[in-house]
PDB file of N, CA and C in Angstrom:
ATOM      1  N   UNK A   1      -6.162  -8.305  19.246  1.00  0.00           N
ATOM      2  CA  UNK A   1      -6.268  -7.267  18.233  1.00  0.00           C
ATOM      3  C   UNK A   1      -7.468  -7.617  17.355  1.00  0.00           C
ATOM      4  N   UNK A   2      -8.462  -6.741  17.293  1.00  0.00           N
ATOM      5  CA  UNK A   2      -9.631  -6.979  16.464  1.00  0.00           C
ATOM      6  C   UNK A   2      -9.338  -6.755  14.996  1.00  0.00           C
ATOM      7  N   UNK A   3     -10.113  -7.401  14.169  1.00  0.00           N
ATOM      8  CA  UNK A   3      -9.933  -7.242  12.724  1.00  0.00           C
ATOM      9  C   UNK A   3     -11.260  -6.829  12.116  1.00  0.00           C
ATOM     10  N   UNK A   4     -11.185  -5.948  11.139  1.00  0.00           N
ATOM     11  CA  UNK A   4     -12.384  -5.515  10.430  1.00  0.00           C
ATOM     12  C   UNK A   4     -12.182  -5.770   8.957  1.00  0.00           C
ATOM     13  N   UNK A   5     -13.266  -5.892   8.243  1.00  0.00           N
ATOM     14  CA  UNK A   5     -13.166  -6.059   6.799  1.00  0.00           C
ATOM     15  C   UNK A   5     -13.093  -4.695   6.142  1.00  0.00           C
ATOM     16  N   UNK A   6     -12.230  -4.583   5.169  1.00  0.00           N
ATOM     17  CA  UNK A   6     -12.067  -3.336   4.433  1.00  0.00           C
ATOM     18  C   UNK A   6     -13.279  -3.108   3.548  1.00  0.00           C
ATOM     19  N   UNK A   7     -13.534  -1.852   3.239  1.00  0.00           N
ATOM     20  CA  UNK A   7     -14.653  -1.523   2.374  1.00  0.00           C
ATOM     21  C   UNK A   7     -14.364  -1.809   0.908  1.00  0.00           C
ATOM     22  N   UNK A   8     -13.078  -1.840   0.503  1.00  0.00           N
ATOM     23  CA  UNK A   8     -12.798  -2.050  -0.910  1.00  0.00           C
ATOM     24  C   UNK A   8     -12.100  -3.370  -1.192  1.00  0.00           C
ATOM     25  N   UNK A   9     -11.685  -4.085  -0.170  1.00  0.00           N
ATOM     26  CA  UNK A   9     -11.033  -5.374  -0.388  1.00  0.00           C
ATOM     27  C   UNK A   9     -11.823  -6.455   0.341  1.00  0.00           C
ATOM     28  N   UNK A  10     -11.695  -7.664  -0.113  1.00  0.00           N
ATOM     29  CA  UNK A  10     -12.343  -8.786   0.549  1.00  0.00           C
ATOM     30  C   UNK A  10     -11.365  -9.456   1.505  1.00  0.00           C
ATOM     31  N   UNK A  11     -10.336  -8.749   1.836  1.00  0.00           N
ATOM     32  CA  UNK A  11      -9.282  -9.260   2.699  1.00  0.00           C
ATOM     33  C   UNK A  11      -9.423  -8.595   4.060  1.00  0.00           C
ATOM     34  N   UNK A  12      -9.348  -9.382   5.132  1.00  0.00           N
ATOM     35  CA  UNK A  12      -9.404  -8.797   6.461  1.00  0.00           C
ATOM     36  C   UNK A  12      -8.206  -7.889   6.668  1.00  0.00           C
ATOM     37  N   UNK A  13      -8.445  -6.748   7.286  1.00  0.00           N
ATOM     38  CA  UNK A  13      -7.379  -5.805   7.573  1.00  0.00           C
ATOM     39  C   UNK A  13      -7.462  -5.358   9.029  1.00  0.00           C
ATOM     40  N   UNK A  14      -6.352  -4.853   9.517  1.00  0.00           N
ATOM     41  CA  UNK A  14      -6.283  -4.320  10.873  1.00  0.00           C
ATOM     42  C   UNK A  14      -6.236  -2.793  10.769  1.00  0.00           C
ATOM     43  N   UNK A  15      -7.162  -2.099  11.422  1.00  0.00           N
ATOM     44  CA  UNK A  15      -7.143  -0.631  11.385  1.00  0.00           C
ATOM     45  C   UNK A  15      -5.859  -0.082  12.014  1.00  0.00           C
ATOM     46  N   UNK A  16      -5.444   1.100  11.556  1.00  0.00           N
ATOM     47  CA  UNK A  16      -4.250   1.736  12.097  1.00  0.00           C
ATOM     48  C   UNK A  16      -4.336   1.868  13.617  1.00  0.00           C
ATOM     49  N   UNK A  17      -5.513   2.191  14.122  1.00  0.00           N
ATOM     50  CA  UNK A  17      -5.695   2.414  15.564  1.00  0.00           C
ATOM     51  C   UNK A  17      -5.496   1.150  16.396  1.00  0.00           C
ATOM     52  N   UNK A  18      -5.569  -0.019  15.770  1.00  0.00           N
ATOM     53  CA  UNK A  18      -5.411  -1.279  16.498  1.00  0.00           C
ATOM     54  C   UNK A  18      -4.071  -1.961  16.234  1.00  0.00           C
ATOM     55  N   UNK A  19      -3.247  -1.362  15.403  1.00  0.00           N
ATOM     56  CA  UNK A  19      -1.963  -1.981  15.045  1.00  0.00           C
ATOM     57  C   UNK A  19      -1.020  -1.978  16.245  1.00  0.00           C
ATOM     58  N   UNK A  20      -0.273  -3.075  16.378  1.00  0.00           N
ATOM     59  CA  UNK A  20       0.712  -3.207  17.456  1.00  0.00           C
ATOM     60  C   UNK A  20       1.981  -3.831  16.902  1.00  0.00           C
ATOM     61  N   UNK A  21       3.079  -3.634  17.595  1.00  0.00           N
ATOM     62  CA  UNK A  21       4.332  -4.304  17.277  1.00  0.00           C
ATOM     63  C   UNK A  21       4.802  -4.095  15.854  1.00  0.00           C
ATOM     64  N   UNK A  22       5.110  -5.209  15.185  1.00  0.00           N
ATOM     65  CA  UNK A  22       5.644  -5.172  13.826  1.00  0.00           C
ATOM     66  C   UNK A  22       4.693  -4.473  12.853  1.00  0.00           C
ATOM     67  N   UNK A  23       3.392  -4.699  12.996  1.00  0.00           N
ATOM     68  CA  UNK A  23       2.425  -4.054  12.110  1.00  0.00           C
ATOM     69  C   UNK A  23       2.419  -2.544  12.324  1.00  0.00           C
ATOM     70  N   UNK A  24       2.481  -2.104  13.553  1.00  0.00           N
ATOM     71  CA  UNK A  24       2.497  -0.663  13.836  1.00  0.00           C
ATOM     72  C   UNK A  24       3.715  -0.008  13.187  1.00  0.00           C
ATOM     73  N   UNK A  25       4.872  -0.680  13.269  1.00  0.00           N
ATOM     74  CA  UNK A  25       6.084  -0.156  12.628  1.00  0.00           C
ATOM     75  C   UNK A  25       5.925  -0.139  11.107  1.00  0.00           C
ATOM     76  N   UNK A  26       5.326  -1.186  10.541  1.00  0.00           N
ATOM     77  CA  UNK A  26       5.112  -1.242   9.086  1.00  0.00           C
ATOM     78  C   UNK A  26       4.158  -0.139   8.648  1.00  0.00           C
ATOM     79  N   UNK A  27       3.093   0.089   9.424  1.00  0.00           N
ATOM     80  CA  UNK A  27       2.157   1.166   9.108  1.00  0.00           C
ATOM     81  C   UNK A  27       2.859   2.519   9.124  1.00  0.00           C
ATOM     82  N   UNK A  28       3.755   2.734  10.079  1.00  0.00           N
ATOM     83  CA  UNK A  28       4.488   4.006  10.127  1.00  0.00           C
ATOM     84  C   UNK A  28       5.307   4.206   8.862  1.00  0.00           C
ATOM     85  N   UNK A  29       5.922   3.135   8.364  1.00  0.00           N
ATOM     86  CA  UNK A  29       6.738   3.233   7.142  1.00  0.00           C
ATOM     87  C   UNK A  29       5.872   3.427   5.902  1.00  0.00           C
ATOM     88  N   UNK A  30       4.723   2.768   5.862  1.00  0.00           N
ATOM     89  CA  UNK A  30       3.887   2.787   4.656  1.00  0.00           C
ATOM     90  C   UNK A  30       2.865   3.921   4.656  1.00  0.00           C
ATOM     91  N   UNK A  31       2.622   4.518   5.812  1.00  0.00           N
ATOM     92  CA  UNK A  31       1.581   5.530   5.917  1.00  0.00           C
ATOM     93  C   UNK A  31       1.990   6.887   5.396  1.00  0.00           C
ATOM     94  N   UNK A  32       1.010   7.725   5.168  1.00  0.00           N
ATOM     95  CA  UNK A  32       1.229   9.105   4.752  1.00  0.00           C
ATOM     96  C   UNK A  32       1.914   9.848   5.906  1.00  0.00           C
ATOM     97  N   UNK A  33       3.037  10.519   5.626  1.00  0.00           N
ATOM     98  CA  UNK A  33       3.756  11.207   6.702  1.00  0.00           C
ATOM     99  C   UNK A  33       2.911  12.255   7.434  1.00  0.00           C
ATOM    100  N   UNK A  34       2.005  12.901   6.733  1.00  0.00           N
ATOM    101  CA  UNK A  34       1.187  13.939   7.360  1.00  0.00           C
ATOM    102  C   UNK A  34       0.053  13.394   8.206  1.00  0.00           C
ATOM    103  N   UNK A  35      -0.720  12.484   7.631  1.00  0.00           N
ATOM    104  CA  UNK A  35      -1.922  11.993   8.309  1.00  0.00           C
ATOM    105  C   UNK A  35      -1.723  10.659   9.015  1.00  0.00           C
ATOM    106  N   UNK A  36      -0.710   9.901   8.603  1.00  0.00           N
ATOM    107  CA  UNK A  36      -0.512   8.575   9.170  1.00  0.00           C
ATOM    108  C   UNK A  36      -1.419   7.518   8.561  1.00  0.00           C
ATOM    109  N   UNK A  37      -2.303   7.930   7.642  1.00  0.00           N
ATOM    110  CA  UNK A  37      -3.206   6.964   7.019  1.00  0.00           C
ATOM    111  C   UNK A  37      -2.449   6.069   6.051  1.00  0.00           C
ATOM    112  N   UNK A  38      -2.854   4.811   6.021  1.00  0.00           N
ATOM    113  CA  UNK A  38      -2.235   3.816   5.161  1.00  0.00           C
ATOM    114  C   UNK A  38      -3.192   3.513   4.010  1.00  0.00           C
ATOM    115  N   UNK A  39      -2.691   3.572   2.782  1.00  0.00           N
ATOM    116  CA  UNK A  39      -3.514   3.261   1.617  1.00  0.00           C
ATOM    117  C   UNK A  39      -4.018   1.825   1.699  1.00  0.00           C
ATOM    118  N   UNK A  40      -5.214   1.598   1.158  1.00  0.00           N
ATOM    119  CA  UNK A  40      -5.804   0.254   1.172  1.00  0.00           C
ATOM    120  C   UNK A  40      -4.905  -0.770   0.498  1.00  0.00           C
ATOM    121  N   UNK A  41      -4.212  -0.363  -0.559  1.00  0.00           N
ATOM    122  CA  UNK A  41      -3.348  -1.299  -1.291  1.00  0.00           C
ATOM    123  C   UNK A  41      -2.230  -1.821  -0.395  1.00  0.00           C
ATOM    124  N   UNK A  42      -1.840  -1.044   0.604  1.00  0.00           N
ATOM    125  CA  UNK A  42      -0.841  -1.498   1.576  1.00  0.00           C
ATOM    126  C   UNK A  42      -1.509  -2.195   2.758  1.00  0.00           C
ATOM    127  N   UNK A  43      -2.668  -1.688   3.159  1.00  0.00           N
ATOM    128  CA  UNK A  43      -3.356  -2.233   4.328  1.00  0.00           C
ATOM    129  C   UNK A  43      -3.775  -3.691   4.131  1.00  0.00           C
ATOM    130  N   UNK A  44      -3.937  -4.110   2.881  1.00  0.00           N
ATOM    131  CA  UNK A  44      -4.315  -5.517   2.662  1.00  0.00           C
ATOM    132  C   UNK A  44      -3.234  -6.475   3.150  1.00  0.00           C
ATOM    133  N   UNK A  45      -2.049  -5.958   3.413  1.00  0.00           N
ATOM    134  CA  UNK A  45      -0.956  -6.780   3.948  1.00  0.00           C
ATOM    135  C   UNK A  45      -0.928  -6.787   5.474  1.00  0.00           C
ATOM    136  N   UNK A  46      -1.933  -6.228   6.127  1.00  0.00           N
ATOM    137  CA  UNK A  46      -1.862  -6.030   7.573  1.00  0.00           C
ATOM    138  C   UNK A  46      -1.757  -7.327   8.374  1.00  0.00           C
ATOM    139  N   UNK A  47      -2.169  -8.436   7.815  1.00  0.00           N
ATOM    140  CA  UNK A  47      -2.021  -9.707   8.523  1.00  0.00           C
ATOM    141  C   UNK A  47      -0.632 -10.307   8.315  1.00  0.00           C
ATOM    142  N   UNK A  48       0.165  -9.680   7.436  1.00  0.00           N
ATOM    143  CA  UNK A  48       1.537 -10.130   7.165  1.00  0.00           C
ATOM    144  C   UNK A  48       2.405  -8.888   6.943  1.00  0.00           C
ATOM    145  N   UNK A  49       2.805  -8.220   8.029  1.00  0.00           N
ATOM    146  CA  UNK A  49       3.541  -6.960   7.904  1.00  0.00           C
ATOM    147  C   UNK A  49       4.812  -7.050   7.051  1.00  0.00           C
ATOM    148  N   UNK A  50       5.486  -8.187   7.046  1.00  0.00           N
ATOM    149  CA  UNK A  50       6.696  -8.327   6.226  1.00  0.00           C
ATOM    150  C   UNK A  50       6.366  -8.165   4.747  1.00  0.00           C
ATOM    151  N   UNK A  51       5.209  -8.683   4.313  1.00  0.00           N
ATOM    152  CA  UNK A  51       4.834  -8.531   2.908  1.00  0.00           C
ATOM    153  C   UNK A  51       4.499  -7.072   2.598  1.00  0.00           C
ATOM    154  N   UNK A  52       3.997  -6.316   3.588  1.00  0.00           N
ATOM    155  CA  UNK A  52       3.731  -4.896   3.382  1.00  0.00           C
ATOM    156  C   UNK A  52       5.037  -4.147   3.115  1.00  0.00           C
ATOM    157  N   UNK A  53       6.056  -4.437   3.901  1.00  0.00           N
ATOM    158  CA  UNK A  53       7.353  -3.787   3.724  1.00  0.00           C
ATOM    159  C   UNK A  53       7.945  -4.175   2.375  1.00  0.00           C
ATOM    160  N   UNK A  54       7.827  -5.437   1.980  1.00  0.00           N
ATOM    161  CA  UNK A  54       8.332  -5.870   0.671  1.00  0.00           C
ATOM    162  C   UNK A  54       7.582  -5.169  -0.464  1.00  0.00           C
ATOM    163  N   UNK A  55       6.260  -5.040  -0.338  1.00  0.00           N
ATOM    164  CA  UNK A  55       5.452  -4.352  -1.353  1.00  0.00           C
ATOM    165  C   UNK A  55       5.871  -2.885  -1.439  1.00  0.00           C
ATOM    166  N   UNK A  56       6.086  -2.258  -0.293  1.00  0.00           N
ATOM    167  CA  UNK A  56       6.508  -0.862  -0.263  1.00  0.00           C
ATOM    168  C   UNK A  56       7.858  -0.692  -0.954  1.00  0.00           C
ATOM    169  N   UNK A  57       8.775  -1.600  -0.681  1.00  0.00           N
ATOM    170  CA  UNK A  57      10.096  -1.545  -1.320  1.00  0.00           C
ATOM    171  C   UNK A  57       9.972  -1.709  -2.843  1.00  0.00           C
ATOM    172  N   UNK A  58       9.154  -2.673  -3.291  1.00  0.00           N
ATOM    173  CA  UNK A  58       8.942  -2.880  -4.721  1.00  0.00           C
ATOM    174  C   UNK A  58       8.359  -1.626  -5.360  1.00  0.00           C
ATOM    175  N   UNK A  59       7.341  -1.045  -4.735  1.00  0.00           N
ATOM    176  CA  UNK A  59       6.708   0.165  -5.272  1.00  0.00           C
ATOM    177  C   UNK A  59       7.722   1.298  -5.409  1.00  0.00           C
ATOM    178  N   UNK A  60       8.491   1.530  -4.359  1.00  0.00           N
ATOM    179  CA  UNK A  60       9.467   2.628  -4.403  1.00  0.00           C
ATOM    180  C   UNK A  60      10.529   2.374  -5.461  1.00  0.00           C
ATOM    181  N   UNK A  61      10.937   1.115  -5.624  1.00  0.00           N
ATOM    182  CA  UNK A  61      11.915   0.781  -6.652  1.00  0.00           C
ATOM    183  C   UNK A  61      11.345   1.043  -8.035  1.00  0.00           C
ATOM    184  N   UNK A  62      10.122   0.580  -8.275  1.00  0.00           N
ATOM    185  CA  UNK A  62       9.508   0.756  -9.592  1.00  0.00           C
ATOM    186  C   UNK A  62       9.237   2.220  -9.923  1.00  0.00           C
ATOM    187  N   UNK A  63       8.832   2.992  -8.926  1.00  0.00           N
ATOM    188  CA  UNK A  63       8.412   4.358  -9.197  1.00  0.00           C
ATOM    189  C   UNK A  63       9.519   5.399  -9.068  1.00  0.00           C
ATOM    190  N   UNK A  64      10.549   5.126  -8.266  1.00  0.00           N
ATOM    191  CA  UNK A  64      11.531   6.164  -7.976  1.00  0.00           C
ATOM    192  C   UNK A  64      12.971   5.813  -8.359  1.00  0.00           C
ATOM    193  N   UNK A  65      13.280   4.550  -8.580  1.00  0.00           N
ATOM    194  CA  UNK A  65      14.659   4.169  -8.902  1.00  0.00           C
ATOM    195  C   UNK A  65      15.004   4.584 -10.332  1.00  0.00           C
ATOM    196  N   UNK A  66      16.267   4.564 -10.625  1.00  0.00           N
ATOM    197  CA  UNK A  66      16.730   4.913 -11.965  1.00  0.00           C
ATOM    198  C   UNK A  66      16.059   4.006 -12.996  1.00  0.00           C
ATOM    199  N   UNK A  67      15.635   4.625 -14.101  1.00  0.00           N
ATOM    200  CA  UNK A  67      14.885   3.892 -15.116  1.00  0.00           C
ATOM    201  C   UNK A  67      14.906   4.677 -16.423  1.00  0.00           C
ATOM    202  N   UNK A  68      14.760   3.986 -17.559  1.00  0.00           N
ATOM    203  CA  UNK A  68      14.626   4.725 -18.817  1.00  0.00           C
ATOM    204  C   UNK A  68      13.269   5.424 -18.929  1.00  0.00           C
ATOM    205  N   UNK A  69      12.325   5.075 -18.075  1.00  0.00           N
ATOM    206  CA  UNK A  69      11.009   5.716 -18.070  1.00  0.00           C
ATOM    207  C   UNK A  69      11.007   6.891 -17.103  1.00  0.00           C
ATOM    208  N   UNK A  70      10.308   7.959 -17.487  1.00  0.00           N
ATOM    209  CA  UNK A  70      10.154   9.087 -16.574  1.00  0.00           C
ATOM    210  C   UNK A  70       9.130   8.724 -15.507  1.00  0.00           C
ATOM    211  N   UNK A  71       9.071   9.524 -14.461  1.00  0.00           N
ATOM    212  CA  UNK A  71       8.074   9.306 -13.408  1.00  0.00           C
ATOM    213  C   UNK A  71       6.667   9.436 -13.983  1.00  0.00           C
ATOM    214  N   UNK A  72       6.467  10.400 -14.871  1.00  0.00           N
ATOM    215  CA  UNK A  72       5.158  10.603 -15.500  1.00  0.00           C
ATOM    216  C   UNK A  72       4.762   9.360 -16.308  1.00  0.00           C
ATOM    217  N   UNK A  73       5.692   8.806 -17.069  1.00  0.00           N
ATOM    218  CA  UNK A  73       5.398   7.603 -17.855  1.00  0.00           C
ATOM    219  C   UNK A  73       5.015   6.447 -16.938  1.00  0.00           C
ATOM    220  N   UNK A  74       5.703   6.300 -15.834  1.00  0.00           N
ATOM    221  CA  UNK A  74       5.392   5.216 -14.890  1.00  0.00           C
ATOM    222  C   UNK A  74       3.992   5.391 -14.315  1.00  0.00           C
ATOM    223  N   UNK A  75       3.653   6.628 -13.955  1.00  0.00           N
ATOM    224  CA  UNK A  75       2.314   6.893 -13.417  1.00  0.00           C
ATOM    225  C   UNK A  75       1.240   6.622 -14.474  1.00  0.00           C
ATOM    226  N   UNK A  76       1.519   7.015 -15.719  1.00  0.00           N
ATOM    227  CA  UNK A  76       0.552   6.767 -16.798  1.00  0.00           C
ATOM    228  C   UNK A  76       0.326   5.276 -17.017  1.00  0.00           C
ATOM    229  N   UNK A  77       1.375   4.494 -16.938  1.00  0.00           N
ATOM    230  CA  UNK A  77       1.226   3.038 -17.055  1.00  0.00           C
ATOM    231  C   UNK A  77       0.306   2.528 -15.959  1.00  0.00           C
ATOM    232  N   UNK A  78       0.513   3.017 -14.737  1.00  0.00           N
ATOM    233  CA  UNK A  78      -0.348   2.618 -13.621  1.00  0.00           C
ATOM    234  C   UNK A  78      -1.799   2.991 -13.841  1.00  0.00           C
ATOM    235  N   UNK A  79      -2.039   4.180 -14.363  1.00  0.00           N
ATOM    236  CA  UNK A  79      -3.410   4.637 -14.627  1.00  0.00           C
ATOM    237  C   UNK A  79      -4.066   3.768 -15.693  1.00  0.00           C
ATOM    238  N   UNK A  80      -3.349   3.475 -16.773  1.00  0.00           N
ATOM    239  CA  UNK A  80      -3.907   2.661 -17.856  1.00  0.00           C
ATOM    240  C   UNK A  80      -4.217   1.248 -17.362  1.00  0.00           C
ATOM    241  N   UNK A  81      -3.291   0.649 -16.645  1.00  0.00           N
ATOM    242  CA  UNK A  81      -3.517  -0.711 -16.127  1.00  0.00           C
ATOM    243  C   UNK A  81      -4.704  -0.718 -15.169  1.00  0.00           C
ATOM    244  N   UNK A  82      -4.781   0.286 -14.297  1.00  0.00           N
ATOM    245  CA  UNK A  82      -5.916   0.367 -13.374  1.00  0.00           C
ATOM    246  C   UNK A  82      -7.234   0.514 -14.133  1.00  0.00           C
ATOM    247  N   UNK A  83      -7.246   1.334 -15.172  1.00  0.00           N
ATOM    248  CA  UNK A  83      -8.467   1.514 -15.967  1.00  0.00           C
ATOM    249  C   UNK A  83      -8.866   0.210 -16.650  1.00  0.00           C
ATOM    250  N   UNK A  84      -7.911  -0.480 -17.219  1.00  0.00           N
ATOM    251  CA  UNK A  84      -8.211  -1.765 -17.877  1.00  0.00           C
ATOM    252  C   UNK A  84      -8.775  -2.762 -16.880  1.00  0.00           C
ATOM    253  N   UNK A  85      -8.223  -2.751 -15.674  1.00  0.00           N
ATOM    254  CA  UNK A  85      -8.663  -3.672 -14.628  1.00  0.00           C
ATOM    255  C   UNK A  85      -9.892  -3.173 -13.857  1.00  0.00           C
ATOM    256  N   UNK A  86     -10.401  -2.006 -14.259  1.00  0.00           N
ATOM    257  CA  UNK A  86     -11.544  -1.380 -13.588  1.00  0.00           C
ATOM    258  C   UNK A  86     -11.267  -1.195 -12.086  1.00  0.00           C
ATOM    259  N   UNK A  87     -10.063  -0.778 -11.806  1.00  0.00           N
ATOM    260  CA  UNK A  87      -9.606  -0.565 -10.451  1.00  0.00           C
ATOM    261  C   UNK A  87      -9.942   0.854 -10.006  1.00  0.00           C
ATOM    262  N   UNK A  88     -10.356   1.020  -8.768  1.00  0.00           N
ATOM    263  CA  UNK A  88     -10.746   2.337  -8.257  1.00  0.00           C
ATOM    264  C   UNK A  88      -9.572   3.174  -7.776  1.00  0.00           C
ATOM    265  N   UNK A  89      -8.378   2.649  -7.722  1.00  0.00           N
ATOM    266  CA  UNK A  89      -7.258   3.399  -7.144  1.00  0.00           C
ATOM    267  C   UNK A  89      -6.881   4.529  -8.048  1.00  0.00           C
TER     268      UNK A  89
END
């Protein structure tokens, strides 16, 4: 399985087209249901598919589970933190 460097991360990643086995299954879970594309923030886990699934679970828990914060408030926190960190996401 060949590996390419991502354009936005300094971490080697495996393209969706080259994913096999456990990684292919992880990409299916983490990818966009319509296009199948996997966000870079998830793709950085491509050398360790188990960590991708754990990251996905954490994200869904933080963003969708019961909370005193609304979904909008959670998204705003993400935007502010990304802006402070000069993150492109």
